[in-house]
C-alpha cells in the first residue's frame, strides 16, 4: 500500500491483479482516500460487505476510490469472484 497526499488526507492504494485481492487488515486513518485498481485481465468489483459503498464494474485498468470518514473495520469483496475479499481498518 502506498501513501501520498490528497487534499490534506493520505491517499492509500490497493492494487488487485488476477484473482487475488491484497491481504486483509490494511490500516488507514479517518479521512484517508483508499483507491482500488484492477491490474488483472478480468473485470472485478469492490463492494462493502454492508452495501454502504462500492463499484459494480471495475474493468482491467479501472480504479475506484472511497473516503473513510469514521473509525472501524470495513470488509469488502468482489461480487464476481467468490473468495476475493479484504478488510480496511480505519483508526
PDB file of N, CA and C in Angstrom:
ATOM      1  N   UNK A   1       0.849  -1.162   0.000  1.00  0.00           N
ATOM      2  CA  UNK A   1       0.000   0.000   0.000  1.00  0.00           C
ATOM      3  C   UNK A   1       0.899   1.230   0.000  1.00  0.00           C
ATOM      4  N   UNK A   2       0.663   2.130  -0.915  1.00  0.00           N
ATOM      5  CA  UNK A   2       1.458   3.347  -0.986  1.00  0.00           C
ATOM      6  C   UNK A   2       0.705   4.512  -0.392  1.00  0.00           C
ATOM      7  N   UNK A   3       1.416   5.558  -0.056  1.00  0.00           N
ATOM      8  CA  UNK A   3       0.755   6.716   0.535  1.00  0.00           C
ATOM      9  C   UNK A   3       1.214   7.977  -0.155  1.00  0.00           C
ATOM     10  N   UNK A   4       0.344   8.941  -0.229  1.00  0.00           N
ATOM     11  CA  UNK A   4       0.659  10.240  -0.782  1.00  0.00           C
ATOM     12  C   UNK A   4      -0.239  11.258  -0.114  1.00  0.00           C
ATOM     13  N   UNK A   5      -0.279  12.469  -0.619  1.00  0.00           N
ATOM     14  CA  UNK A   5      -1.135  13.490  -0.033  1.00  0.00           C
ATOM     15  C   UNK A   5      -2.190  13.901  -1.043  1.00  0.00           C
ATOM     16  N   UNK A   6      -3.441  13.979  -0.591  1.00  0.00           N
ATOM     17  CA  UNK A   6      -4.551  14.365  -1.447  1.00  0.00           C
ATOM     18  C   UNK A   6      -5.510  15.203  -0.622  1.00  0.00           C
ATOM     19  N   UNK A   7      -5.532  16.518  -0.846  1.00  0.00           N
ATOM     20  CA  UNK A   7      -6.430  17.419  -0.140  1.00  0.00           C
ATOM     21  C   UNK A   7      -6.349  17.248   1.379  1.00  0.00           C
ATOM     22  N   UNK A   8      -5.159  17.122   1.908  1.00  0.00           N
ATOM     23  CA  UNK A   8      -4.959  17.042   3.346  1.00  0.00           C
ATOM     24  C   UNK A   8      -5.139  15.663   3.942  1.00  0.00           C
ATOM     25  N   UNK A   9      -5.578  14.698   3.157  1.00  0.00           N
ATOM     26  CA  UNK A   9      -5.731  13.327   3.648  1.00  0.00           C
ATOM     27  C   UNK A   9      -4.753  12.443   2.897  1.00  0.00           C
ATOM     28  N   UNK A  10      -4.386  11.350   3.508  1.00  0.00           N
ATOM     29  CA  UNK A  10      -3.493  10.419   2.825  1.00  0.00           C
ATOM     30  C   UNK A  10      -4.271   9.658   1.769  1.00  0.00           C
ATOM     31  N   UNK A  11      -3.612   9.348   0.675  1.00  0.00           N
ATOM     32  CA  UNK A  11      -4.207   8.538  -0.386  1.00  0.00           C
ATOM     33  C   UNK A  11      -3.566   7.166  -0.320  1.00  0.00           C
ATOM     34  N   UNK A  12      -4.362   6.150  -0.065  1.00  0.00           N
ATOM     35  CA  UNK A  12      -3.865   4.785   0.066  1.00  0.00           C
ATOM     36  C   UNK A  12      -4.249   4.004  -1.176  1.00  0.00           C
ATOM     37  N   UNK A  13      -3.333   3.199  -1.676  1.00  0.00           N
ATOM     38  CA  UNK A  13      -3.587   2.440  -2.901  1.00  0.00           C
ATOM     39  C   UNK A  13      -3.699   0.957  -2.604  1.00  0.00           C
ATOM     40  N   UNK A  14      -4.706   0.317  -3.196  1.00  0.00           N
ATOM     41  CA  UNK A  14      -4.872  -1.130  -3.140  1.00  0.00           C
ATOM     42  C   UNK A  14      -4.898  -1.606  -4.579  1.00  0.00           C
ATOM     43  N   UNK A  15      -3.952  -2.460  -4.959  1.00  0.00           N
ATOM     44  CA  UNK A  15      -3.877  -2.944  -6.336  1.00  0.00           C
ATOM     45  C   UNK A  15      -4.182  -4.430  -6.346  1.00  0.00           C
ATOM     46  N   UNK A  16      -5.165  -4.820  -7.137  1.00  0.00           N
ATOM     47  CA  UNK A  16      -5.526  -6.232  -7.246  1.00  0.00           C
ATOM     48  C   UNK A  16      -5.317  -6.715  -8.660  1.00  0.00           C
ATOM     49  N   UNK A  17      -4.701  -7.854  -8.801  1.00  0.00           N
ATOM     50  CA  UNK A  17      -4.490  -8.432 -10.123  1.00  0.00           C
ATOM     51  C   UNK A  17      -4.912  -9.883 -10.130  1.00  0.00           C
ATOM     52  N   UNK A  18      -5.322 -10.369 -11.278  1.00  0.00           N
ATOM     53  CA  UNK A  18      -5.742 -11.756 -11.371  1.00  0.00           C
ATOM     54  C   UNK A  18      -6.935 -12.012 -10.472  1.00  0.00           C
ATOM     55  N   UNK A  19      -6.889 -13.090  -9.705  1.00  0.00           N
ATOM     56  CA  UNK A  19      -7.996 -13.451  -8.832  1.00  0.00           C
ATOM     57  C   UNK A  19      -7.652 -13.250  -7.371  1.00  0.00           C
ATOM     58  N   UNK A  20      -6.746 -12.343  -7.056  1.00  0.00           N
ATOM     59  CA  UNK A  20      -6.311 -12.149  -5.677  1.00  0.00           C
ATOM     60  C   UNK A  20      -6.477 -10.694  -5.286  1.00  0.00           C
ATOM     61  N   UNK A  21      -7.176 -10.449  -4.186  1.00  0.00           N
ATOM     62  CA  UNK A  21      -7.178  -9.122  -3.600  1.00  0.00           C
ATOM     63  C   UNK A  21      -6.093  -9.092  -2.549  1.00  0.00           C
ATOM     64  N   UNK A  22      -5.554  -7.940  -2.245  1.00  0.00           N
ATOM     65  CA  UNK A  22      -4.486  -7.862  -1.245  1.00  0.00           C
ATOM     66  C   UNK A  22      -4.947  -8.421   0.097  1.00  0.00           C
ATOM     67  N   UNK A  23      -4.012  -8.854   0.925  1.00  0.00           N
ATOM     68  CA  UNK A  23      -4.392  -9.404   2.227  1.00  0.00           C
ATOM     69  C   UNK A  23      -5.142  -8.387   3.068  1.00  0.00           C
ATOM     70  N   UNK A  24      -5.975  -8.887   3.957  1.00  0.00           N
ATOM     71  CA  UNK A  24      -6.801  -8.028   4.794  1.00  0.00           C
ATOM     72  C   UNK A  24      -6.000  -7.308   5.858  1.00  0.00           C
ATOM     73  N   UNK A  25      -6.712  -6.434   6.568  1.00  0.00           N
ATOM     74  CA  UNK A  25      -6.133  -5.755   7.705  1.00  0.00           C
ATOM     75  C   UNK A  25      -5.311  -4.532   7.368  1.00  0.00           C
ATOM     76  N   UNK A  26      -5.456  -3.995   6.167  1.00  0.00           N
ATOM     77  CA  UNK A  26      -4.705  -2.790   5.826  1.00  0.00           C
ATOM     78  C   UNK A  26      -5.245  -1.622   6.643  1.00  0.00           C
ATOM     79  N   UNK A  27      -4.342  -0.828   7.240  1.00  0.00           N
ATOM     80  CA  UNK A  27      -4.762   0.253   8.113  1.00  0.00           C
ATOM     81  C   UNK A  27      -4.648   1.616   7.457  1.00  0.00           C
ATOM     82  N   UNK A  28      -5.665   2.445   7.696  1.00  0.00           N
ATOM     83  CA  UNK A  28      -5.679   3.817   7.213  1.00  0.00           C
ATOM     84  C   UNK A  28      -6.231   4.705   8.322  1.00  0.00           C
ATOM     85  N   UNK A  29      -6.128   6.008   8.152  1.00  0.00           N
ATOM     86  CA  UNK A  29      -6.648   6.971   9.124  1.00  0.00           C
ATOM     87  C   UNK A  29      -7.996   7.515   8.652  1.00  0.00           C
ATOM     88  N   UNK A  30      -8.797   7.985   9.605  1.00  0.00           N
ATOM     89  CA  UNK A  30     -10.058   8.639   9.259  1.00  0.00           C
ATOM     90  C   UNK A  30      -9.751   9.779   8.300  1.00  0.00           C
ATOM     91  N   UNK A  31     -10.507   9.871   7.214  1.00  0.00           N
ATOM     92  CA  UNK A  31     -10.302  10.898   6.203  1.00  0.00           C
ATOM     93  C   UNK A  31      -9.445  10.450   5.041  1.00  0.00           C
ATOM     94  N   UNK A  32      -8.793   9.288   5.153  1.00  0.00           N
ATOM     95  CA  UNK A  32      -7.970   8.789   4.057  1.00  0.00           C
ATOM     96  C   UNK A  32      -8.829   8.361   2.876  1.00  0.00           C
ATOM     97  N   UNK A  33      -8.289   8.537   1.687  1.00  0.00           N
ATOM     98  CA  UNK A  33      -8.907   8.073   0.457  1.00  0.00           C
ATOM     99  C   UNK A  33      -8.210   6.774   0.070  1.00  0.00           C
ATOM    100  N   UNK A  34      -8.984   5.704  -0.075  1.00  0.00           N
ATOM    101  CA  UNK A  34      -8.431   4.417  -0.492  1.00  0.00           C
ATOM    102  C   UNK A  34      -8.851   4.183  -1.936  1.00  0.00           C
ATOM    103  N   UNK A  35      -7.879   3.837  -2.787  1.00  0.00           N
ATOM    104  CA  UNK A  35      -8.149   3.589  -4.197  1.00  0.00           C
ATOM    105  C   UNK A  35      -7.786   2.150  -4.541  1.00  0.00           C
ATOM    106  N   UNK A  36      -8.754   1.415  -5.069  1.00  0.00           N
ATOM    107  CA  UNK A  36      -8.533   0.066  -5.570  1.00  0.00           C
ATOM    108  C   UNK A  36      -8.327   0.158  -7.076  1.00  0.00           C
ATOM    109  N   UNK A  37      -7.303  -0.507  -7.600  1.00  0.00           N
ATOM    110  CA  UNK A  37      -7.029  -0.527  -9.037  1.00  0.00           C
ATOM    111  C   UNK A  37      -6.995  -1.968  -9.516  1.00  0.00           C
ATOM    112  N   UNK A  38      -7.739  -2.265 -10.568  1.00  0.00           N
ATOM    113  CA  UNK A  38      -7.757  -3.602 -11.143  1.00  0.00           C
ATOM    114  C   UNK A  38      -6.593  -3.723 -12.129  1.00  0.00           C
ATOM    115  N   UNK A  39      -5.550  -4.429 -11.728  1.00  0.00           N
ATOM    116  CA  UNK A  39      -4.396  -4.616 -12.607  1.00  0.00           C
ATOM    117  C   UNK A  39      -4.434  -5.975 -13.297  1.00  0.00           C
ATOM    118  N   UNK A  40      -5.553  -6.687 -13.158  1.00  0.00           N
ATOM    119  CA  UNK A  40      -5.696  -8.002 -13.769  1.00  0.00           C
ATOM    120  C   UNK A  40      -6.273  -7.914 -15.170  1.00  0.00           C
ATOM    121  N   UNK A  41      -6.600  -9.074 -15.720  1.00  0.00           N
ATOM    122  CA  UNK A  41      -7.106  -9.162 -17.091  1.00  0.00           C
ATOM    123  C   UNK A  41      -8.620  -9.354 -17.142  1.00  0.00           C
ATOM    124  N   UNK A  42      -9.282  -9.484 -15.982  1.00  0.00           N
ATOM    125  CA  UNK A  42     -10.726  -9.698 -15.929  1.00  0.00           C
ATOM    126  C   UNK A  42     -11.404  -8.631 -15.083  1.00  0.00           C
ATOM    127  N   UNK A  43     -12.693  -8.448 -15.295  1.00  0.00           N
ATOM    128  CA  UNK A  43     -13.459  -7.487 -14.528  1.00  0.00           C
ATOM    129  C   UNK A  43     -13.659  -7.943 -13.099  1.00  0.00           C
ATOM    130  N   UNK A  44     -13.756  -6.988 -12.180  1.00  0.00           N
ATOM    131  CA  UNK A  44     -13.987  -7.237 -10.767  1.00  0.00           C
ATOM    132  C   UNK A  44     -14.906  -6.154 -10.227  1.00  0.00           C
ATOM    133  N   UNK A  45     -15.252  -6.276  -8.961  1.00  0.00           N
ATOM    134  CA  UNK A  45     -15.968  -5.223  -8.255  1.00  0.00           C
ATOM    135  C   UNK A  45     -15.270  -4.990  -6.922  1.00  0.00           C
ATOM    136  N   UNK A  46     -15.576  -3.887  -6.294  1.00  0.00           N
ATOM    137  CA  UNK A  46     -15.182  -3.622  -4.909  1.00  0.00           C
ATOM    138  C   UNK A  46     -16.473  -3.227  -4.208  1.00  0.00           C
ATOM    139  N   UNK A  47     -16.941  -4.084  -3.317  1.00  0.00           N
ATOM    140  CA  UNK A  47     -18.227  -3.858  -2.680  1.00  0.00           C
ATOM    141  C   UNK A  47     -18.107  -4.012  -1.173  1.00  0.00           C
ATOM    142  N   UNK A  48     -18.572  -3.008  -0.440  1.00  0.00           N
ATOM    143  CA  UNK A  48     -18.602  -3.113   1.020  1.00  0.00           C
ATOM    144  C   UNK A  48     -19.545  -4.241   1.412  1.00  0.00           C
ATOM    145  N   UNK A  49     -19.150  -5.020   2.402  1.00  0.00           N
ATOM    146  CA  UNK A  49     -19.980  -6.144   2.841  1.00  0.00           C
ATOM    147  C   UNK A  49     -21.355  -5.706   3.319  1.00  0.00           C
ATOM    148  N   UNK A  50     -21.453  -4.475   3.850  1.00  0.00           N
ATOM    149  CA  UNK A  50     -22.752  -3.971   4.316  1.00  0.00           C
ATOM    150  C   UNK A  50     -23.495  -3.190   3.233  1.00  0.00           C
ATOM    151  N   UNK A  51     -22.924  -3.107   2.026  1.00  0.00           N
ATOM    152  CA  UNK A  51     -23.577  -2.423   0.908  1.00  0.00           C
ATOM    153  C   UNK A  51     -23.491  -0.915   0.941  1.00  0.00           C
ATOM    154  N   UNK A  52     -22.746  -0.337   1.881  1.00  0.00           N
ATOM    155  CA  UNK A  52     -22.697   1.116   2.048  1.00  0.00           C
ATOM    156  C   UNK A  52     -21.939   1.832   0.940  1.00  0.00           C
ATOM    157  N   UNK A  53     -21.003   1.166   0.274  1.00  0.00           N
ATOM    158  CA  UNK A  53     -20.223   1.780  -0.795  1.00  0.00           C
ATOM    159  C   UNK A  53     -19.732   0.680  -1.725  1.00  0.00           C
ATOM    160  N   UNK A  54     -19.307   1.078  -2.900  1.00  0.00           N
ATOM    161  CA  UNK A  54     -18.759   0.091  -3.818  1.00  0.00           C
ATOM    162  C   UNK A  54     -18.886   0.490  -5.267  1.00  0.00           C
ATOM    163  N   UNK A  55     -18.284  -0.339  -6.096  1.00  0.00           N
ATOM    164  CA  UNK A  55     -18.266  -0.151  -7.541  1.00  0.00           C
ATOM    165  C   UNK A  55     -18.624  -1.483  -8.168  1.00  0.00           C
ATOM    166  N   UNK A  56     -19.622  -1.509  -9.023  1.00  0.00           N
ATOM    167  CA  UNK A  56     -20.074  -2.761  -9.620  1.00  0.00           C
ATOM    168  C   UNK A  56     -19.431  -3.087 -10.953  1.00  0.00           C
ATOM    169  N   UNK A  57     -18.484  -2.294 -11.416  1.00  0.00           N
ATOM    170  CA  UNK A  57     -17.863  -2.568 -12.713  1.00  0.00           C
ATOM    171  C   UNK A  57     -16.445  -2.011 -12.722  1.00  0.00           C
ATOM    172  N   UNK A  58     -15.490  -2.830 -12.353  1.00  0.00           N
ATOM    173  CA  UNK A  58     -14.092  -2.421 -12.298  1.00  0.00           C
ATOM    174  C   UNK A  58     -13.337  -3.229 -13.357  1.00  0.00           C
ATOM    175  N   UNK A  59     -13.348  -2.727 -14.588  1.00  0.00           N
ATOM    176  CA  UNK A  59     -12.679  -3.411 -15.698  1.00  0.00           C
ATOM    177  C   UNK A  59     -11.160  -3.277 -15.559  1.00  0.00           C
ATOM    178  N   UNK A  60     -10.398  -4.116 -16.281  1.00  0.00           N
ATOM    179  CA  UNK A  60      -8.928  -4.008 -16.210  1.00  0.00           C
ATOM    180  C   UNK A  60      -8.459  -2.576 -16.456  1.00  0.00           C
ATOM    181  N   UNK A  61      -7.614  -2.088 -15.534  1.00  0.00           N
ATOM    182  CA  UNK A  61      -7.085  -0.726 -15.625  1.00  0.00           C
ATOM    183  C   UNK A  61      -7.929   0.320 -14.918  1.00  0.00           C
ATOM    184  N   UNK A  62      -9.171  -0.026 -14.554  1.00  0.00           N
ATOM    185  CA  UNK A  62     -10.051   0.919 -13.863  1.00  0.00           C
ATOM    186  C   UNK A  62      -9.696   1.015 -12.380  1.00  0.00           C
ATOM    187  N   UNK A  63     -10.089   2.127 -11.782  1.00  0.00           N
ATOM    188  CA  UNK A  63      -9.887   2.346 -10.352  1.00  0.00           C
ATOM    189  C   UNK A  63     -11.190   2.796  -9.707  1.00  0.00           C
ATOM    190  N   UNK A  64     -11.296   2.549  -8.418  1.00  0.00           N
ATOM    191  CA  UNK A  64     -12.422   3.005  -7.616  1.00  0.00           C
ATOM    192  C   UNK A  64     -11.860   3.558  -6.309  1.00  0.00           C
ATOM    193  N   UNK A  65     -12.345   4.720  -5.879  1.00  0.00           N
ATOM    194  CA  UNK A  65     -11.872   5.347  -4.643  1.00  0.00           C
ATOM    195  C   UNK A  65     -13.018   5.547  -3.666  1.00  0.00           C
ATOM    196  N   UNK A  66     -12.683   5.439  -2.378  1.00  0.00           N
ATOM    197  CA  UNK A  66     -13.653   5.678  -1.306  1.00  0.00           C
ATOM    198  C   UNK A  66     -12.937   6.387  -0.169  1.00  0.00           C
ATOM    199  N   UNK A  67     -13.584   7.405   0.390  1.00  0.00           N
ATOM    200  CA  UNK A  67     -13.051   8.126   1.547  1.00  0.00           C
ATOM    201  C   UNK A  67     -13.700   7.564   2.806  1.00  0.00           C
ATOM    202  N   UNK A  68     -12.868   7.124   3.746  1.00  0.00           N
ATOM    203  CA  UNK A  68     -13.366   6.578   5.002  1.00  0.00           C
ATOM    204  C   UNK A  68     -13.464   7.699   6.032  1.00  0.00           C
ATOM    205  N   UNK A  69     -14.681   7.968   6.499  1.00  0.00           N
ATOM    206  CA  UNK A  69     -14.935   9.120   7.366  1.00  0.00           C
ATOM    207  C   UNK A  69     -15.155   8.747   8.830  1.00  0.00           C
ATOM    208  N   UNK A  70     -15.119   7.464   9.154  1.00  0.00           N
ATOM    209  CA  UNK A  70     -15.316   7.026  10.540  1.00  0.00           C
ATOM    210  C   UNK A  70     -14.410   5.845  10.841  1.00  0.00           C
ATOM    211  N   UNK A  71     -13.961   5.764  12.094  1.00  0.00           N
ATOM    212  CA  UNK A  71     -13.124   4.642  12.512  1.00  0.00           C
ATOM    213  C   UNK A  71     -13.938   3.351  12.490  1.00  0.00           C
ATOM    214  N   UNK A  72     -13.250   2.251  12.255  1.00  0.00           N
ATOM    215  CA  UNK A  72     -13.893   0.938  12.258  1.00  0.00           C
ATOM    216  C   UNK A  72     -13.170  -0.013  11.336  1.00  0.00           C
ATOM    217  N   UNK A  73     -13.664  -1.217  11.256  1.00  0.00           N
ATOM    218  CA  UNK A  73     -13.124  -2.223  10.340  1.00  0.00           C
ATOM    219  C   UNK A  73     -14.161  -2.457   9.253  1.00  0.00           C
ATOM    220  N   UNK A  74     -13.754  -2.287   8.021  1.00  0.00           N
ATOM    221  CA  UNK A  74     -14.652  -2.371   6.875  1.00  0.00           C
ATOM    222  C   UNK A  74     -14.244  -3.559   6.004  1.00  0.00           C
ATOM    223  N   UNK A  75     -15.190  -4.458   5.781  1.00  0.00           N
ATOM    224  CA  UNK A  75     -14.955  -5.611   4.915  1.00  0.00           C
ATOM    225  C   UNK A  75     -15.446  -5.296   3.511  1.00  0.00           C
ATOM    226  N   UNK A  76     -14.733  -5.828   2.527  1.00  0.00           N
ATOM    227  CA  UNK A  76     -15.152  -5.661   1.135  1.00  0.00           C
ATOM    228  C   UNK A  76     -14.904  -6.948   0.378  1.00  0.00           C
ATOM    229  N   UNK A  77     -15.552  -7.080  -0.788  1.00  0.00           N
ATOM    230  CA  UNK A  77     -15.424  -8.300  -1.580  1.00  0.00           C
ATOM    231  C   UNK A  77     -15.702  -8.010  -3.046  1.00  0.00           C
ATOM    232  N   UNK A  78     -15.406  -8.994  -3.892  1.00  0.00           N
ATOM    233  CA  UNK A  78     -15.706  -8.934  -5.322  1.00  0.00           C
ATOM    234  C   UNK A  78     -17.002  -9.705  -5.557  1.00  0.00           C
ATOM    235  N   UNK A  79     -17.997  -9.058  -6.157  1.00  0.00           N
ATOM    236  CA  UNK A  79     -19.270  -9.709  -6.453  1.00  0.00           C
ATOM    237  C   UNK A  79     -19.123 -10.818  -7.490  1.00  0.00           C
ATOM    238  N   UNK A  80     -18.100 -10.733  -8.326  1.00  0.00           N
ATOM    239  CA  UNK A  80     -17.917 -11.659  -9.436  1.00  0.00           C
ATOM    240  C   UNK A  80     -17.223 -12.945  -9.003  1.00  0.00           C
ATOM    241  N   UNK A  81     -16.274 -12.850  -8.092  1.00  0.00           N
ATOM    242  CA  UNK A  81     -15.430 -13.991  -7.733  1.00  0.00           C
ATOM    243  C   UNK A  81     -15.531 -14.317  -6.242  1.00  0.00           C
ATOM    244  N   UNK A  82     -16.113 -15.472  -5.928  1.00  0.00           N
ATOM    245  CA  UNK A  82     -16.179 -15.931  -4.537  1.00  0.00           C
ATOM    246  C   UNK A  82     -14.774 -16.033  -3.961  1.00  0.00           C
ATOM    247  N   UNK A  83     -14.623 -15.660  -2.720  1.00  0.00           N
ATOM    248  CA  UNK A  83     -13.341 -15.781  -2.045  1.00  0.00           C
ATOM    249  C   UNK A  83     -12.421 -14.586  -2.196  1.00  0.00           C
ATOM    250  N   UNK A  84     -12.763 -13.631  -3.066  1.00  0.00           N
ATOM    251  CA  UNK A  84     -11.966 -12.409  -3.176  1.00  0.00           C
ATOM    252  C   UNK A  84     -12.526 -11.413  -2.182  1.00  0.00           C
ATOM    253  N   UNK A  85     -11.761 -11.138  -1.119  1.00  0.00           N
ATOM    254  CA  UNK A  85     -12.239 -10.209  -0.106  1.00  0.00           C
ATOM    255  C   UNK A  85     -11.063  -9.627   0.654  1.00  0.00           C
ATOM    256  N   UNK A  86     -11.359  -8.615   1.435  1.00  0.00           N
ATOM    257  CA  UNK A  86     -10.330  -7.981   2.249  1.00  0.00           C
ATOM    258  C   UNK A  86     -10.971  -7.111   3.301  1.00  0.00           C
ATOM    259  N   UNK A  87     -10.150  -6.505   4.144  1.00  0.00           N
ATOM    260  CA  UNK A  87     -10.643  -5.587   5.152  1.00  0.00           C
ATOM    261  C   UNK A  87      -9.752  -4.347   5.185  1.00  0.00           C
ATOM    262  N   UNK A  88     -10.354  -3.251   5.550  1.00  0.00           N
ATOM    263  CA  UNK A  88      -9.634  -2.000   5.775  1.00  0.00           C
ATOM    264  C   UNK A  88      -9.926  -1.592   7.218  1.00  0.00           C
ATOM    265  N   UNK A  89      -8.886  -1.352   8.004  1.00  0.00           N
ATOM    266  CA  UNK A  89      -9.053  -0.889   9.372  1.00  0.00           C
ATOM    267  C   UNK A  89      -8.786   0.608   9.407  1.00  0.00           C
ATOM    268  N   UNK A  90      -9.789   1.366   9.844  1.00  0.00           N
ATOM    269  CA  UNK A  90      -9.690   2.825   9.896  1.00  0.00           C
ATOM    270  C   UNK A  90      -9.558   3.224  11.356  1.00  0.00           C
ATOM    271  N   UNK A  91      -8.489   3.983  11.674  1.00  0.00           N
ATOM    272  CA  UNK A  91      -8.221   4.394  13.049  1.00  0.00           C
ATOM    273  C   UNK A  91      -8.306   5.886  13.192  1.00  0.00           C
TER     274      UNK A  91
END
